[in-house]
Protein backbone atom coordinates (compact mmCIF):
# COMPACT_ATOMS: atom_id res chain seq x y z
CA UNK A 1 106.60 101.30 87.27
CA UNK A 2 107.01 102.04 91.18
CA UNK A 3 111.00 103.83 91.39
CA UNK A 4 112.34 105.50 94.32
CA UNK A 5 114.93 107.58 93.34
CA UNK A 6 115.86 111.37 95.32
CA UNK A 7 118.59 114.02 93.93
CA UNK A 8 119.22 116.50 96.55
CA UNK A 9 120.32 120.16 95.79
CA UNK A 10 122.24 122.88 98.10
CA UNK A 11 119.45 125.74 97.77
CA UNK A 12 117.56 123.53 99.97
CA UNK A 13 115.47 121.22 97.68
CA UNK A 14 115.04 117.57 97.80
CA UNK A 15 112.77 115.74 95.01
CA UNK A 16 112.16 112.12 95.25
CA UNK A 17 110.40 110.31 91.92
CA UNK A 18 108.35 107.46 93.40
CA UNK A 19 106.21 106.28 89.74
CA UNK A 20 106.46 106.52 86.38
CA UNK A 21 103.84 106.01 84.16
CA UNK A 22 105.09 105.88 80.52
CA UNK A 23 101.93 106.24 77.50
CA UNK A 24 101.48 106.92 74.51
CA UNK A 25 100.97 110.80 74.33
CA UNK A 26 102.69 111.93 78.01
CA UNK A 27 104.81 110.77 80.52
CA UNK A 28 103.96 110.98 84.35
CA UNK A 29 106.02 111.36 87.33
CA UNK A 30 104.62 111.14 90.63
CA UNK A 31 106.84 113.18 92.81
CA UNK A 32 107.22 115.09 96.37
CA UNK A 33 109.13 118.18 95.85
CA UNK A 34 110.22 119.98 99.21
CA UNK A 35 112.30 123.01 99.81
CA UNK A 36 113.82 124.37 103.17
CA UNK A 37 115.84 127.35 103.27
CA UNK A 38 116.56 130.49 105.22
CA UNK A 39 117.86 132.68 102.87
CA UNK A 40 114.71 132.57 100.79
CA UNK A 41 111.59 132.02 101.34
CA UNK A 42 110.62 129.98 98.19
CA UNK A 43 111.94 128.53 94.81
CA UNK A 44 110.90 127.06 92.05
CA UNK A 45 110.95 124.17 89.72
CA UNK A 46 110.22 125.33 86.59
CA UNK A 47 112.17 128.31 86.89
CA UNK A 48 114.44 127.56 83.39
CA UNK A 49 113.56 124.64 80.84
CA UNK A 50 112.58 121.48 83.02
CA UNK A 51 112.81 118.02 81.10
CA UNK A 52 113.74 114.58 81.03
CA UNK A 53 116.13 113.61 78.31
CA UNK A 54 117.00 110.12 77.08
CA UNK A 55 120.44 109.02 75.68
CA UNK A 56 120.23 109.79 72.64
CA UNK A 57 118.91 114.04 73.57
CA UNK A 58 115.34 113.31 73.06
CA UNK A 59 113.91 115.76 74.94
CA UNK A 60 110.19 115.71 76.78
CA UNK A 61 109.19 119.13 78.23
CA UNK A 62 107.48 119.79 81.44
CA UNK A 63 103.73 121.13 81.16
CA UNK A 64 103.47 123.13 84.63
CA UNK A 65 99.85 123.50 85.88
CA UNK A 66 98.30 126.37 84.46
CA UNK A 67 98.03 127.92 88.35
CA UNK A 68 101.46 127.40 89.16
CA UNK A 69 103.76 127.94 85.76
CA UNK A 70 106.89 128.01 87.58
CA UNK A 71 106.08 125.61 90.20
CA UNK A 72 106.89 127.18 92.80
CA UNK A 73 107.31 126.07 96.54
CA UNK A 74 107.45 128.19 99.46
CA UNK A 75 110.31 127.15 102.26
CA UNK A 76 109.32 124.80 104.61
CA UNK A 77 106.97 123.11 102.60
CA UNK A 78 106.96 119.70 100.24
CA UNK A 79 104.31 119.47 97.24
CA UNK A 80 103.14 115.88 96.68
CA UNK A 81 101.72 115.17 92.46
CA UNK A 82 102.57 114.15 89.25
CA UNK A 83 104.56 116.14 86.50
CA UNK A 84 104.13 115.81 82.76
CA UNK A 85 106.04 115.96 80.16
CA UNK A 86 104.61 116.00 76.69
CA UNK A 87 105.58 112.91 74.61
CA UNK A 88 106.46 109.04 74.77
CA UNK A 89 109.68 107.50 75.42
CA UNK A 90 111.27 105.54 72.88
CA UNK A 91 110.87 101.71 73.38
CA UNK A 92 113.79 99.91 74.75
CA UNK A 93 115.35 103.08 77.21
CA UNK A 94 116.90 101.63 79.85
CA UNK A 95 117.00 105.62 81.47
CA UNK A 96 116.31 108.59 81.77
CA UNK A 97 117.40 112.15 83.07
CA UNK A 98 115.15 114.32 85.23
CA UNK A 99 116.89 117.33 84.39
CA UNK A 100 115.33 120.40 86.81
CA UNK A 101 115.98 124.32 85.74
CA UNK A 102 118.69 123.47 82.79
CA UNK A 103 121.65 125.58 82.94
CA UNK A 104 121.19 126.66 86.99
CA UNK A 105 123.52 125.56 89.29
CA UNK A 106 122.46 123.79 92.16
CA UNK A 107 123.07 126.93 95.16
CA UNK A 108 121.01 128.94 92.59
CA UNK A 109 117.81 129.71 95.36
CA UNK A 110 115.66 131.23 92.53
CA UNK A 111 115.70 127.63 90.63
CA UNK A 112 118.37 124.57 91.97
CA UNK A 113 119.46 123.36 89.00
CA UNK A 114 119.42 119.38 89.67
CA UNK A 115 119.67 116.22 87.57
CA UNK A 116 118.34 112.59 88.97
CA UNK A 117 118.66 109.94 87.34
CA UNK A 118 115.78 107.64 86.41
CA UNK A 119 116.12 103.48 86.00
CA UNK A 120 113.48 102.37 83.52
CA UNK A 121 113.82 98.67 85.00
CA UNK A 122 110.75 96.88 81.90
CA UNK A 123 113.20 98.90 79.33
CA UNK A 124 110.56 101.67 78.33
CA UNK A 125 108.17 99.26 77.13
């Protein structure tokens, strides 16, 4: 289902979620992530735990690509792609939260902390 949700972290990270696919074995987000900082040359989207979480606290963990385990973005670049989270969203779920770099502050240049609410218009079905 199409989405148009954006989150911004003070360290220079902007993440836009364009689409969510609710599958039986995985939940996939189509995203655009940009990083612009004069303080550092790169940042990571998976420096710490990155996952989807529902209102009951169930977490679907990110499966980072083998060739970019920490989801590194160079300053001045935009990363376009699909983030795969292991597991299915429970039926009837009306909203998820995308948690990027759990426990980190939004101004952490190594891996900015960011939480984005993702409304599920079709209730997770």
